[in-house]
Amino acid sequence: MTQAQPPGAPRARIPGPKRPPTSVPQIRAGLWKHWLWGGLALWTLTAVVTFATRNTTLLPTLILLGSFLVPGTFVLWAYERHARDLGVSLVLGCFVAGGVLGVLGASVMEYYLLHPSPWMSVGVGLTEEAVKLAALMCVLRTQPRVRGLRAGLVLGASVGFGFAAFESAGHAFDAAVGTQGIDLRSLLETEVVRGLLAPFGHGLWTAISGAVLLAFRRPNGRYRFAAPVVLTYLGVSLLHALWDSMHGIAIWTVARLTDTDLPLTLFTEGYIPQPTGTQKHLFTLFSVGGLVIISLAGIAWVRSLARHDPPWRNTP
């Protein structure tokens, strides 16, 4: 028989199940695959329905899905593999805020500083790579401890892919809205081409420049624009300029090889009047081959940064 406790005596506590310790939610491994294939299925379904119904209210959905699918996939992959310690909010902030600030800054600077000329691609490369680095520094202004080559690779790529996503959305919109009304075929072609090329453009270039920039960042958060930082910026700007001007370079090269009296203005005009069959084949070879060479150069550059541990990586 259980004895009654005297008044005022403390009650015995009955042991219960222990609660699991709270933890910060983490993105599960392999989410980038679900994002890629799920997003591709949704984009395809949206394209089919838009074509079938001619419902223009679906255009924003189609543009956003197509523009953000590939850049978002690569950012998720980079976060899962190399940046879980940086946190989701920082990577997402670089992707969204850095991307928006980048396209806004590039638009303003190109409007006031650049004018049509054979050297315009060089100006675009210098301008856009500068504003992306400035956007990265702006996002990291309250994160003085974020430094090092690995952090620069991931966060620089996040800014670059954000830039690519918002820029692609703008190009897709321009392709869709023409003088003859809504051109769905042009919209889809633009999104497919830019989606396939996205991994070899802005994200790749800003990953390189961001890695060197943060590798030279001081422990107090200040940036040190040493010679490697400046030279890397100029190098990725050159890759950017060559990428943008490859169409014109291919035309000029074809004109020289086929021994025709075509003027040099074709470089900026972007077409050959009444091209022969040989000229068409050579143009495809040089334009596509040039983009492949530039992409391989950028990939090799990133791999060299990721594999090697240079002595200046944590230079104070």
C-alpha atoms as a PDB file:
ATOM      1  CA  MET A   1       0.000   0.000   0.000  1.00  0.00           C
ATOM      2  CA  THR A   2       1.443   3.350  -1.054  1.00  0.00           C
ATOM      3  CA  GLN A   3       1.915   5.831   1.737  1.00  0.00           C
ATOM      4  CA  ALA A   4       0.549   9.341   1.245  1.00  0.00           C
ATOM      5  CA  GLN A   5       3.133  12.104   1.062  1.00  0.00           C
ATOM      6  CA  PRO A   6       3.022  14.667   3.876  1.00  0.00           C
ATOM      7  CA  PRO A   7       1.761  18.114   2.977  1.00  0.00           C
ATOM      8  CA  GLY A   8       4.425  20.366   1.451  1.00  0.00           C
ATOM      9  CA  ALA A   9       6.724  17.491   0.485  1.00  0.00           C
ATOM     10  CA  PRO A  10       8.145  17.710  -3.041  1.00  0.00           C
ATOM     11  CA  ARG A  11       6.580  15.379  -5.546  1.00  0.00           C
ATOM     12  CA  ALA A  12       8.712  12.717  -7.117  1.00  0.00           C
ATOM     13  CA  ARG A  13       9.162  13.188 -10.859  1.00  0.00           C
ATOM     14  CA  ILE A  14       8.383  10.298 -13.124  1.00  0.00           C
ATOM     15  CA  PRO A  15      11.145   9.889 -15.688  1.00  0.00           C
ATOM     16  CA  GLY A  16       9.892  10.339 -19.238  1.00  0.00           C
ATOM     17  CA  PRO A  17      11.355   9.950 -22.691  1.00  0.00           C
ATOM     18  CA  LYS A  18      14.231  12.283 -23.464  1.00  0.00           C
ATOM     19  CA  ARG A  19      13.638  14.876 -26.139  1.00  0.00           C
ATOM     20  CA  PRO A  20      16.076  14.878 -29.007  1.00  0.00           C
ATOM     21  CA  PRO A  21      18.334  17.917 -29.120  1.00  0.00           C
ATOM     22  CA  THR A  22      17.189  20.645 -31.448  1.00  0.00           C
ATOM     23  CA  SER A  23      19.259  21.206 -34.557  1.00  0.00           C
ATOM     24  CA  VAL A  24      19.333  23.693 -37.405  1.00  0.00           C
ATOM     25  CA  PRO A  25      17.420  22.383 -40.423  1.00  0.00           C
ATOM     26  CA  GLN A  26      19.729  21.226 -43.186  1.00  0.00           C
ATOM     27  CA  ILE A  27      19.147  20.673 -46.874  1.00  0.00           C
ATOM     28  CA  ARG A  28      19.109  16.940 -47.463  1.00  0.00           C
ATOM     29  CA  ALA A  29      21.731  15.405 -49.680  1.00  0.00           C
ATOM     30  CA  GLY A  30      20.782  14.981 -53.314  1.00  0.00           C
ATOM     31  CA  LEU A  31      18.179  17.760 -53.329  1.00  0.00           C
ATOM     32  CA  TRP A  32      19.816  19.281 -56.403  1.00  0.00           C
ATOM     33  CA  LYS A  33      18.811  16.205 -58.421  1.00  0.00           C
ATOM     34  CA  HIS A  34      15.162  16.578 -57.395  1.00  0.00           C
ATOM     35  CA  TRP A  35      15.342  20.296 -58.208  1.00  0.00           C
ATOM     36  CA  LEU A  36      16.786  19.562 -61.664  1.00  0.00           C
ATOM     37  CA  TRP A  37      14.476  16.770 -62.786  1.00  0.00           C
ATOM     38  CA  GLY A  38      11.390  18.102 -61.055  1.00  0.00           C
ATOM     39  CA  GLY A  39      11.970  21.579 -62.434  1.00  0.00           C
ATOM     40  CA  LEU A  40      12.614  20.221 -65.922  1.00  0.00           C
ATOM     41  CA  ALA A  41       9.343  18.271 -65.794  1.00  0.00           C
ATOM     42  CA  LEU A  42       7.421  21.355 -64.633  1.00  0.00           C
ATOM     43  CA  TRP A  43       9.035  23.533 -67.309  1.00  0.00           C
ATOM     44  CA  THR A  44       8.199  21.006 -70.035  1.00  0.00           C
ATOM     45  CA  LEU A  45       4.613  20.708 -68.815  1.00  0.00           C
ATOM     46  CA  THR A  46       4.253  24.483 -68.709  1.00  0.00           C
ATOM     47  CA  ALA A  47       5.639  24.799 -72.245  1.00  0.00           C
ATOM     48  CA  VAL A  48       3.209  22.184 -73.583  1.00  0.00           C
ATOM     49  CA  VAL A  49       0.206  23.788 -71.890  1.00  0.00           C
ATOM     50  CA  THR A  50       1.245  27.257 -73.064  1.00  0.00           C
ATOM     51  CA  PHE A  51       1.568  26.063 -76.650  1.00  0.00           C
ATOM     52  CA  ALA A  52      -1.744  24.214 -76.497  1.00  0.00           C
ATOM     53  CA  THR A  53      -3.808  26.976 -74.885  1.00  0.00           C
ATOM     54  CA  ARG A  54      -1.930  30.091 -76.069  1.00  0.00           C
ATOM     55  CA  ASN A  55      -2.492  31.436 -72.580  1.00  0.00           C
ATOM     56  CA  THR A  56      -0.111  34.381 -72.209  1.00  0.00           C
ATOM     57  CA  THR A  57      -0.598  34.495 -68.428  1.00  0.00           C
ATOM     58  CA  LEU A  58       1.652  31.414 -68.264  1.00  0.00           C
ATOM     59  CA  LEU A  59       4.601  33.275 -69.787  1.00  0.00           C
ATOM     60  CA  PRO A  60       6.030  34.493 -66.441  1.00  0.00           C
ATOM     61  CA  THR A  61       5.905  30.927 -65.091  1.00  0.00           C
ATOM     62  CA  LEU A  62       7.617  29.585 -68.204  1.00  0.00           C
ATOM     63  CA  ILE A  63      10.299  32.296 -68.147  1.00  0.00           C
ATOM     64  CA  LEU A  64      11.089  31.975 -64.440  1.00  0.00           C
ATOM     65  CA  LEU A  65      11.235  28.168 -64.484  1.00  0.00           C
ATOM     66  CA  GLY A  66      13.504  28.106 -67.514  1.00  0.00           C
ATOM     67  CA  SER A  67      15.773  30.897 -66.295  1.00  0.00           C
ATOM     68  CA  PHE A  68      16.340  29.654 -62.745  1.00  0.00           C
ATOM     69  CA  LEU A  69      16.403  25.886 -63.295  1.00  0.00           C
ATOM     70  CA  VAL A  70      20.060  25.362 -64.264  1.00  0.00           C
ATOM     71  CA  PRO A  71      21.590  28.165 -62.140  1.00  0.00           C
ATOM     72  CA  GLY A  72      19.618  27.022 -59.091  1.00  0.00           C
ATOM     73  CA  THR A  73      20.702  23.422 -59.636  1.00  0.00           C
ATOM     74  CA  PHE A  74      24.385  24.302 -59.670  1.00  0.00           C
ATOM     75  CA  VAL A  75      24.090  26.489 -56.563  1.00  0.00           C
ATOM     76  CA  LEU A  76      22.326  23.684 -54.674  1.00  0.00           C
ATOM     77  CA  TRP A  77      24.986  21.208 -55.774  1.00  0.00           C
ATOM     78  CA  ALA A  78      27.798  23.520 -54.669  1.00  0.00           C
ATOM     79  CA  TYR A  79      26.130  24.091 -51.304  1.00  0.00           C
ATOM     80  CA  GLU A  80      25.607  20.380 -50.642  1.00  0.00           C
ATOM     81  CA  ARG A  81      29.148  19.429 -51.631  1.00  0.00           C
ATOM     82  CA  HIS A  82      31.276  22.298 -50.382  1.00  0.00           C
ATOM     83  CA  ALA A  83      29.439  24.950 -48.354  1.00  0.00           C
ATOM     84  CA  ARG A  84      27.171  23.499 -45.667  1.00  0.00           C
ATOM     85  CA  ASP A  85      29.207  25.297 -43.019  1.00  0.00           C
ATOM     86  CA  LEU A  86      28.520  28.666 -44.682  1.00  0.00           C
ATOM     87  CA  GLY A  87      24.765  28.346 -44.170  1.00  0.00           C
ATOM     88  CA  VAL A  88      21.784  28.409 -46.490  1.00  0.00           C
ATOM     89  CA  SER A  89      20.968  32.074 -45.868  1.00  0.00           C
ATOM     90  CA  LEU A  90      24.384  33.308 -46.989  1.00  0.00           C
ATOM     91  CA  VAL A  91      24.442  31.226 -50.180  1.00  0.00           C
ATOM     92  CA  LEU A  92      20.845  32.198 -50.982  1.00  0.00           C
ATOM     93  CA  GLY A  93      21.615  35.843 -50.256  1.00  0.00           C
ATOM     94  CA  CYS A  94      24.507  35.790 -52.708  1.00  0.00           C
ATOM     95  CA  PHE A  95      22.321  34.133 -55.338  1.00  0.00           C
ATOM     96  CA  VAL A  96      19.344  36.508 -55.046  1.00  0.00           C
ATOM     97  CA  ALA A  97      20.708  39.802 -53.717  1.00  0.00           C
ATOM     98  CA  GLY A  98      24.039  39.455 -55.482  1.00  0.00           C
ATOM     99  CA  GLY A  99      22.359  38.529 -58.751  1.00  0.00           C
ATOM    100  CA  VAL A 100      19.907  41.444 -58.635  1.00  0.00           C
ATOM    101  CA  LEU A 101      22.570  43.960 -57.623  1.00  0.00           C
ATOM    102  CA  GLY A 102      24.786  42.635 -60.394  1.00  0.00           C
ATOM    103  CA  VAL A 103      22.267  43.047 -63.213  1.00  0.00           C
ATOM    104  CA  LEU A 104      21.205  46.480 -61.942  1.00  0.00           C
ATOM    105  CA  GLY A 105      24.781  47.703 -61.685  1.00  0.00           C
ATOM    106  CA  ALA A 106      25.693  46.301 -65.088  1.00  0.00           C
ATOM    107  CA  SER A 107      22.649  47.917 -66.689  1.00  0.00           C
ATOM    108  CA  VAL A 108      23.443  51.354 -65.267  1.00  0.00           C
ATOM    109  CA  MET A 109      27.155  51.253 -66.088  1.00  0.00           C
ATOM    110  CA  GLU A 110      26.674  49.912 -69.606  1.00  0.00           C
ATOM    111  CA  TYR A 111      23.990  52.527 -70.333  1.00  0.00           C
ATOM    112  CA  TYR A 112      26.198  55.463 -69.352  1.00  0.00           C
ATOM    113  CA  LEU A 113      29.684  54.207 -70.175  1.00  0.00           C
ATOM    114  CA  LEU A 114      29.479  51.911 -73.214  1.00  0.00           C
ATOM    115  CA  HIS A 115      28.697  52.740 -76.811  1.00  0.00           C
ATOM    116  CA  PRO A 116      28.530  50.525 -79.936  1.00  0.00           C
ATOM    117  CA  SER A 117      32.044  49.743 -81.207  1.00  0.00           C
ATOM    118  CA  PRO A 118      34.215  46.704 -82.050  1.00  0.00           C
ATOM    119  CA  TRP A 119      35.566  46.898 -78.472  1.00  0.00           C
ATOM    120  CA  MET A 120      32.176  46.930 -76.783  1.00  0.00           C
ATOM    121  CA  SER A 121      32.476  43.277 -75.719  1.00  0.00           C
ATOM    122  CA  VAL A 122      35.645  44.144 -73.814  1.00  0.00           C
ATOM    123  CA  GLY A 123      33.816  46.924 -72.005  1.00  0.00           C
ATOM    124  CA  VAL A 124      30.915  44.625 -71.196  1.00  0.00           C
ATOM    125  CA  GLY A 125      33.278  42.000 -69.789  1.00  0.00           C
ATOM    126  CA  LEU A 126      35.126  44.497 -67.600  1.00  0.00           C
ATOM    127  CA  THR A 127      31.886  46.102 -66.410  1.00  0.00           C
ATOM    128  CA  GLU A 128      29.881  42.994 -65.594  1.00  0.00           C
ATOM    129  CA  GLU A 129      32.723  41.197 -63.847  1.00  0.00           C
ATOM    130  CA  ALA A 130      33.381  44.305 -61.752  1.00  0.00           C
ATOM    131  CA  VAL A 131      29.770  44.733 -60.649  1.00  0.00           C
ATOM    132  CA  LYS A 132      29.469  41.044 -59.739  1.00  0.00           C
ATOM    133  CA  LEU A 133      32.493  41.295 -57.476  1.00  0.00           C
ATOM    134  CA  ALA A 134      31.079  44.509 -55.999  1.00  0.00           C
ATOM    135  CA  ALA A 135      27.774  42.711 -55.372  1.00  0.00           C
ATOM    136  CA  LEU A 136      29.631  39.871 -53.624  1.00  0.00           C
ATOM    137  CA  MET A 137      31.439  42.337 -51.382  1.00  0.00           C
ATOM    138  CA  CYS A 138      28.167  44.105 -50.622  1.00  0.00           C
ATOM    139  CA  VAL A 139      26.482  40.872 -49.510  1.00  0.00           C
ATOM    140  CA  LEU A 140      29.494  39.954 -47.342  1.00  0.00           C
ATOM    141  CA  ARG A 141      29.871  43.371 -45.716  1.00  0.00           C
ATOM    142  CA  THR A 142      28.421  42.032 -42.428  1.00  0.00           C
ATOM    143  CA  GLN A 143      30.316  38.725 -42.646  1.00  0.00           C
ATOM    144  CA  PRO A 144      33.973  39.644 -41.938  1.00  0.00           C
ATOM    145  CA  ARG A 145      34.921  36.071 -41.046  1.00  0.00           C
ATOM    146  CA  VAL A 146      33.913  34.634 -44.414  1.00  0.00           C
ATOM    147  CA  ARG A 147      37.156  34.296 -46.300  1.00  0.00           C
ATOM    148  CA  GLY A 148      39.286  31.740 -48.056  1.00  0.00           C
ATOM    149  CA  LEU A 149      39.454  30.144 -51.461  1.00  0.00           C
ATOM    150  CA  ARG A 150      36.663  27.584 -50.969  1.00  0.00           C
ATOM    151  CA  ALA A 151      34.179  30.157 -49.689  1.00  0.00           C
ATOM    152  CA  GLY A 152      35.058  32.424 -52.607  1.00  0.00           C
ATOM    153  CA  LEU A 153      34.478  29.674 -55.149  1.00  0.00           C
ATOM    154  CA  VAL A 154      31.007  28.836 -53.813  1.00  0.00           C
ATOM    155  CA  LEU A 155      29.778  32.344 -53.027  1.00  0.00           C
ATOM    156  CA  GLY A 156      31.268  33.810 -56.199  1.00  0.00           C
ATOM    157  CA  ALA A 157      29.526  31.118 -58.223  1.00  0.00           C
ATOM    158  CA  SER A 158      26.275  31.872 -56.369  1.00  0.00           C
ATOM    159  CA  VAL A 159      26.459  35.541 -57.345  1.00  0.00           C
ATOM    160  CA  GLY A 160      27.353  34.636 -60.919  1.00  0.00           C
ATOM    161  CA  PHE A 161      24.539  32.128 -61.297  1.00  0.00           C
ATOM    162  CA  GLY A 162      22.093  34.595 -59.764  1.00  0.00           C
ATOM    163  CA  PHE A 163      23.246  37.157 -62.316  1.00  0.00           C
ATOM    164  CA  ALA A 164      22.828  34.580 -65.102  1.00  0.00           C
ATOM    165  CA  ALA A 165      19.314  33.633 -63.934  1.00  0.00           C
ATOM    166  CA  PHE A 166      17.978  37.185 -63.843  1.00  0.00           C
ATOM    167  CA  GLU A 167      19.744  38.107 -67.081  1.00  0.00           C
ATOM    168  CA  SER A 168      18.320  35.024 -68.825  1.00  0.00           C
ATOM    169  CA  ALA A 169      14.826  35.963 -67.669  1.00  0.00           C
ATOM    170  CA  GLY A 170      15.253  39.355 -69.311  1.00  0.00           C
ATOM    171  CA  HIS A 171      16.549  37.869 -72.576  1.00  0.00           C
ATOM    172  CA  ALA A 172      13.713  35.330 -72.612  1.00  0.00           C
ATOM    173  CA  PHE A 173      11.168  38.108 -72.174  1.00  0.00           C
ATOM    174  CA  ASP A 174      12.724  40.103 -75.037  1.00  0.00           C
ATOM    175  CA  ALA A 175      12.660  37.002 -77.237  1.00  0.00           C
ATOM    176  CA  ALA A 176       9.007  36.327 -76.428  1.00  0.00           C
ATOM    177  CA  VAL A 177       7.703  39.849 -77.069  1.00  0.00           C
ATOM    178  CA  GLY A 178       8.289  40.831 -80.700  1.00  0.00           C
ATOM    179  CA  THR A 179       6.783  43.139 -83.258  1.00  0.00           C
ATOM    180  CA  GLN A 180       4.543  40.325 -84.496  1.00  0.00           C
ATOM    181  CA  GLY A 181       3.196  39.491 -81.035  1.00  0.00           C
ATOM    182  CA  ILE A 182       4.186  36.665 -78.694  1.00  0.00           C
ATOM    183  CA  ASP A 183       6.820  34.349 -80.156  1.00  0.00           C
ATOM    184  CA  LEU A 184       6.796  31.182 -78.036  1.00  0.00           C
ATOM    185  CA  ARG A 185       9.285  29.330 -80.227  1.00  0.00           C
ATOM    186  CA  SER A 186      11.867  32.087 -79.856  1.00  0.00           C
ATOM    187  CA  LEU A 187      11.265  32.121 -76.102  1.00  0.00           C
ATOM    188  CA  LEU A 188      11.849  28.381 -75.757  1.00  0.00           C
ATOM    189  CA  GLU A 189      14.929  28.434 -77.995  1.00  0.00           C
ATOM    190  CA  THR A 190      16.429  31.247 -75.930  1.00  0.00           C
ATOM    191  CA  GLU A 191      15.811  29.449 -72.650  1.00  0.00           C
ATOM    192  CA  VAL A 192      17.193  26.130 -73.892  1.00  0.00           C
ATOM    193  CA  VAL A 193      20.364  27.673 -75.311  1.00  0.00           C
ATOM    194  CA  ARG A 194      21.029  29.882 -72.294  1.00  0.00           C
ATOM    195  CA  GLY A 195      20.237  27.006 -69.937  1.00  0.00           C
ATOM    196  CA  LEU A 196      22.775  24.743 -71.640  1.00  0.00           C
ATOM    197  CA  LEU A 197      25.423  27.462 -71.652  1.00  0.00           C
ATOM    198  CA  ALA A 198      24.760  28.742 -68.115  1.00  0.00           C
ATOM    199  CA  PRO A 199      27.300  26.455 -66.347  1.00  0.00           C
ATOM    200  CA  PHE A 200      30.127  27.811 -68.527  1.00  0.00           C
ATOM    201  CA  GLY A 201      29.454  31.541 -68.226  1.00  0.00           C
ATOM    202  CA  HIS A 202      28.783  33.947 -65.380  1.00  0.00           C
ATOM    203  CA  GLY A 203      28.852  31.363 -62.597  1.00  0.00           C
ATOM    204  CA  LEU A 204      32.197  29.983 -63.716  1.00  0.00           C
ATOM    205  CA  TRP A 205      33.844  33.386 -64.159  1.00  0.00           C
ATOM    206  CA  THR A 206      32.660  34.837 -60.858  1.00  0.00           C
ATOM    207  CA  ALA A 207      33.654  31.646 -59.019  1.00  0.00           C
ATOM    208  CA  ILE A 208      37.239  32.227 -60.192  1.00  0.00           C
ATOM    209  CA  SER A 209      37.398  35.924 -59.330  1.00  0.00           C
ATOM    210  CA  GLY A 210      35.503  35.441 -56.054  1.00  0.00           C
ATOM    211  CA  ALA A 211      37.884  32.693 -54.956  1.00  0.00           C
ATOM    212  CA  VAL A 212      40.961  34.870 -55.369  1.00  0.00           C
ATOM    213  CA  LEU A 213      39.213  37.896 -53.859  1.00  0.00           C
ATOM    214  CA  LEU A 214      38.257  36.063 -50.654  1.00  0.00           C
ATOM    215  CA  ALA A 215      41.589  34.253 -50.524  1.00  0.00           C
ATOM    216  CA  PHE A 216      43.203  37.664 -50.019  1.00  0.00           C
ATOM    217  CA  ARG A 217      40.562  38.940 -47.601  1.00  0.00           C
ATOM    218  CA  ARG A 218      42.039  39.954 -44.251  1.00  0.00           C
ATOM    219  CA  PRO A 219      40.800  38.489 -40.937  1.00  0.00           C
ATOM    220  CA  ASN A 220      39.167  41.841 -40.072  1.00  0.00           C
ATOM    221  CA  GLY A 221      37.030  41.655 -43.208  1.00  0.00           C
ATOM    222  CA  ARG A 222      38.938  44.169 -45.320  1.00  0.00           C
ATOM    223  CA  TYR A 223      39.750  43.299 -48.904  1.00  0.00           C
ATOM    224  CA  ARG A 224      43.279  43.396 -50.266  1.00  0.00           C
ATOM    225  CA  PHE A 225      43.423  44.094 -53.979  1.00  0.00           C
ATOM    226  CA  ALA A 226      46.824  42.545 -54.553  1.00  0.00           C
ATOM    227  CA  ALA A 227      48.253  41.767 -57.978  1.00  0.00           C
ATOM    228  CA  PRO A 228      46.697  38.235 -58.205  1.00  0.00           C
ATOM    229  CA  VAL A 229      43.241  39.704 -57.492  1.00  0.00           C
ATOM    230  CA  VAL A 230      43.564  42.330 -60.218  1.00  0.00           C
ATOM    231  CA  LEU A 231      45.093  39.927 -62.739  1.00  0.00           C
ATOM    232  CA  THR A 232      42.378  37.353 -62.074  1.00  0.00           C
ATOM    233  CA  TYR A 233      39.697  39.991 -62.607  1.00  0.00           C
ATOM    234  CA  LEU A 234      41.292  40.988 -65.918  1.00  0.00           C
ATOM    235  CA  GLY A 235      41.607  37.329 -66.919  1.00  0.00           C
ATOM    236  CA  VAL A 236      37.959  36.453 -66.348  1.00  0.00           C
ATOM    237  CA  SER A 237      36.938  39.723 -68.042  1.00  0.00           C
ATOM    238  CA  LEU A 238      38.935  38.604 -71.084  1.00  0.00           C
ATOM    239  CA  LEU A 239      37.162  35.225 -71.095  1.00  0.00           C
ATOM    240  CA  HIS A 240      33.843  37.073 -70.818  1.00  0.00           C
ATOM    241  CA  ALA A 241      34.732  39.411 -73.686  1.00  0.00           C
ATOM    242  CA  LEU A 242      35.855  36.555 -75.931  1.00  0.00           C
ATOM    243  CA  TRP A 243      32.644  34.658 -75.159  1.00  0.00           C
ATOM    244  CA  ASP A 244      30.447  37.639 -76.086  1.00  0.00           C
ATOM    245  CA  SER A 245      32.400  38.461 -79.247  1.00  0.00           C
ATOM    246  CA  MET A 246      32.829  34.894 -80.530  1.00  0.00           C
ATOM    247  CA  HIS A 247      29.981  35.358 -83.039  1.00  0.00           C
ATOM    248  CA  GLY A 248      31.753  38.330 -84.597  1.00  0.00           C
ATOM    249  CA  ILE A 249      35.169  36.670 -84.390  1.00  0.00           C
ATOM    250  CA  ALA A 250      33.812  33.637 -86.250  1.00  0.00           C
ATOM    251  CA  ILE A 251      32.374  35.844 -88.996  1.00  0.00           C
ATOM    252  CA  TRP A 252      35.632  37.771 -89.399  1.00  0.00           C
ATOM    253  CA  THR A 253      37.672  34.537 -89.460  1.00  0.00           C
ATOM    254  CA  VAL A 254      35.433  32.994 -92.105  1.00  0.00           C
ATOM    255  CA  ALA A 255      35.720  36.123 -94.228  1.00  0.00           C
ATOM    256  CA  ARG A 256      39.518  36.008 -94.073  1.00  0.00           C
ATOM    257  CA  LEU A 257      39.815  32.255 -94.760  1.00  0.00           C
ATOM    258  CA  THR A 258      37.435  32.278 -97.725  1.00  0.00           C
ATOM    259  CA  ASP A 259      39.416  35.150 -99.273  1.00  0.00           C
ATOM    260  CA  THR A 260      36.446  37.419 -99.854  1.00  0.00           C
ATOM    261  CA  ASP A 261      36.339  41.212 -99.887  1.00  0.00           C
ATOM    262  CA  LEU A 262      33.989  41.408 -96.944  1.00  0.00           C
ATOM    263  CA  PRO A 263      34.432  44.569 -94.830  1.00  0.00           C
ATOM    264  CA  LEU A 264      35.591  44.446 -91.217  1.00  0.00           C
ATOM    265  CA  THR A 265      32.292  46.018 -90.179  1.00  0.00           C
ATOM    266  CA  LEU A 266      30.821  42.521 -90.382  1.00  0.00           C
ATOM    267  CA  PHE A 267      32.416  41.935 -86.985  1.00  0.00           C
ATOM    268  CA  THR A 268      29.917  44.320 -85.379  1.00  0.00           C
ATOM    269  CA  GLU A 269      27.019  43.808 -87.821  1.00  0.00           C
ATOM    270  CA  GLY A 270      26.950  40.081 -87.012  1.00  0.00           C
ATOM    271  CA  TYR A 271      26.096  38.512 -90.371  1.00  0.00           C
ATOM    272  CA  ILE A 272      27.536  37.612 -93.800  1.00  0.00           C
ATOM    273  CA  PRO A 273      25.406  38.692 -96.775  1.00  0.00           C
ATOM    274  CA  GLN A 274      24.478  35.703 -98.927  1.00  0.00           C
ATOM    275  CA  PRO A 275      26.887  33.199 -97.342  1.00  0.00           C
ATOM    276  CA  THR A 276      28.013  30.143 -99.275  1.00  0.00           C
ATOM    277  CA  GLY A 277      27.645  26.613 -97.951  1.00  0.00           C
ATOM    278  CA  THR A 278      31.319  26.502 -97.013  1.00  0.00           C
ATOM    279  CA  GLN A 279      31.024  29.769 -95.130  1.00  0.00           C
ATOM    280  CA  LYS A 280      28.051  28.460 -93.162  1.00  0.00           C
ATOM    281  CA  HIS A 281      29.929  25.331 -92.098  1.00  0.00           C
ATOM    282  CA  LEU A 282      33.054  27.285 -91.162  1.00  0.00           C
ATOM    283  CA  PHE A 283      31.028  29.773 -89.142  1.00  0.00           C
ATOM    284  CA  THR A 284      29.421  26.976 -87.129  1.00  0.00           C
ATOM    285  CA  LEU A 285      32.800  25.351 -86.581  1.00  0.00           C
ATOM    286  CA  PHE A 286      34.533  28.510 -85.367  1.00  0.00           C
ATOM    287  CA  SER A 287      31.665  29.885 -83.270  1.00  0.00           C
ATOM    288  CA  VAL A 288      30.898  26.627 -81.448  1.00  0.00           C
ATOM    289  CA  GLY A 289      34.547  25.609 -81.248  1.00  0.00           C
ATOM    290  CA  GLY A 290      35.500  28.971 -79.794  1.00  0.00           C
ATOM    291  CA  LEU A 291      32.895  28.686 -77.041  1.00  0.00           C
ATOM    292  CA  VAL A 292      34.128  25.171 -76.236  1.00  0.00           C
ATOM    293  CA  ILE A 293      37.735  26.378 -75.928  1.00  0.00           C
ATOM    294  CA  ILE A 294      36.731  29.279 -73.663  1.00  0.00           C
ATOM    295  CA  SER A 295      34.645  26.937 -71.499  1.00  0.00           C
ATOM    296  CA  LEU A 296      37.496  24.439 -71.160  1.00  0.00           C
ATOM    297  CA  ALA A 297      39.866  27.244 -70.188  1.00  0.00           C
ATOM    298  CA  GLY A 298      37.486  28.404 -67.452  1.00  0.00           C
ATOM    299  CA  ILE A 299      36.919  24.881 -66.144  1.00  0.00           C
ATOM    300  CA  ALA A 300      40.653  24.197 -66.054  1.00  0.00           C
ATOM    301  CA  TRP A 301      41.161  27.449 -64.144  1.00  0.00           C
ATOM    302  CA  VAL A 302      38.549  26.525 -61.526  1.00  0.00           C
ATOM    303  CA  ARG A 303      39.957  23.019 -61.132  1.00  0.00           C
ATOM    304  CA  SER A 304      43.444  24.393 -60.611  1.00  0.00           C
ATOM    305  CA  LEU A 305      42.147  26.676 -57.846  1.00  0.00           C
ATOM    306  CA  ALA A 306      40.158  23.893 -56.205  1.00  0.00           C
ATOM    307  CA  ARG A 307      42.931  21.295 -56.306  1.00  0.00           C
ATOM    308  CA  HIS A 308      45.877  23.397 -55.273  1.00  0.00           C
ATOM    309  CA  ASP A 309      46.340  25.111 -51.952  1.00  0.00           C
ATOM    310  CA  PRO A 310      48.339  28.231 -52.797  1.00  0.00           C
ATOM    311  CA  PRO A 311      50.421  29.745 -49.993  1.00  0.00           C
ATOM    312  CA  TRP A 312      48.479  33.004 -50.162  1.00  0.00           C
ATOM    313  CA  ARG A 313      45.122  31.317 -49.433  1.00  0.00           C
ATOM    314  CA  ASN A 314      44.940  32.581 -45.854  1.00  0.00           C
ATOM    315  CA  THR A 315      47.293  35.496 -46.127  1.00  0.00           C
ATOM    316  CA  PRO A 316      46.417  37.996 -43.344  1.00  0.00           C
END
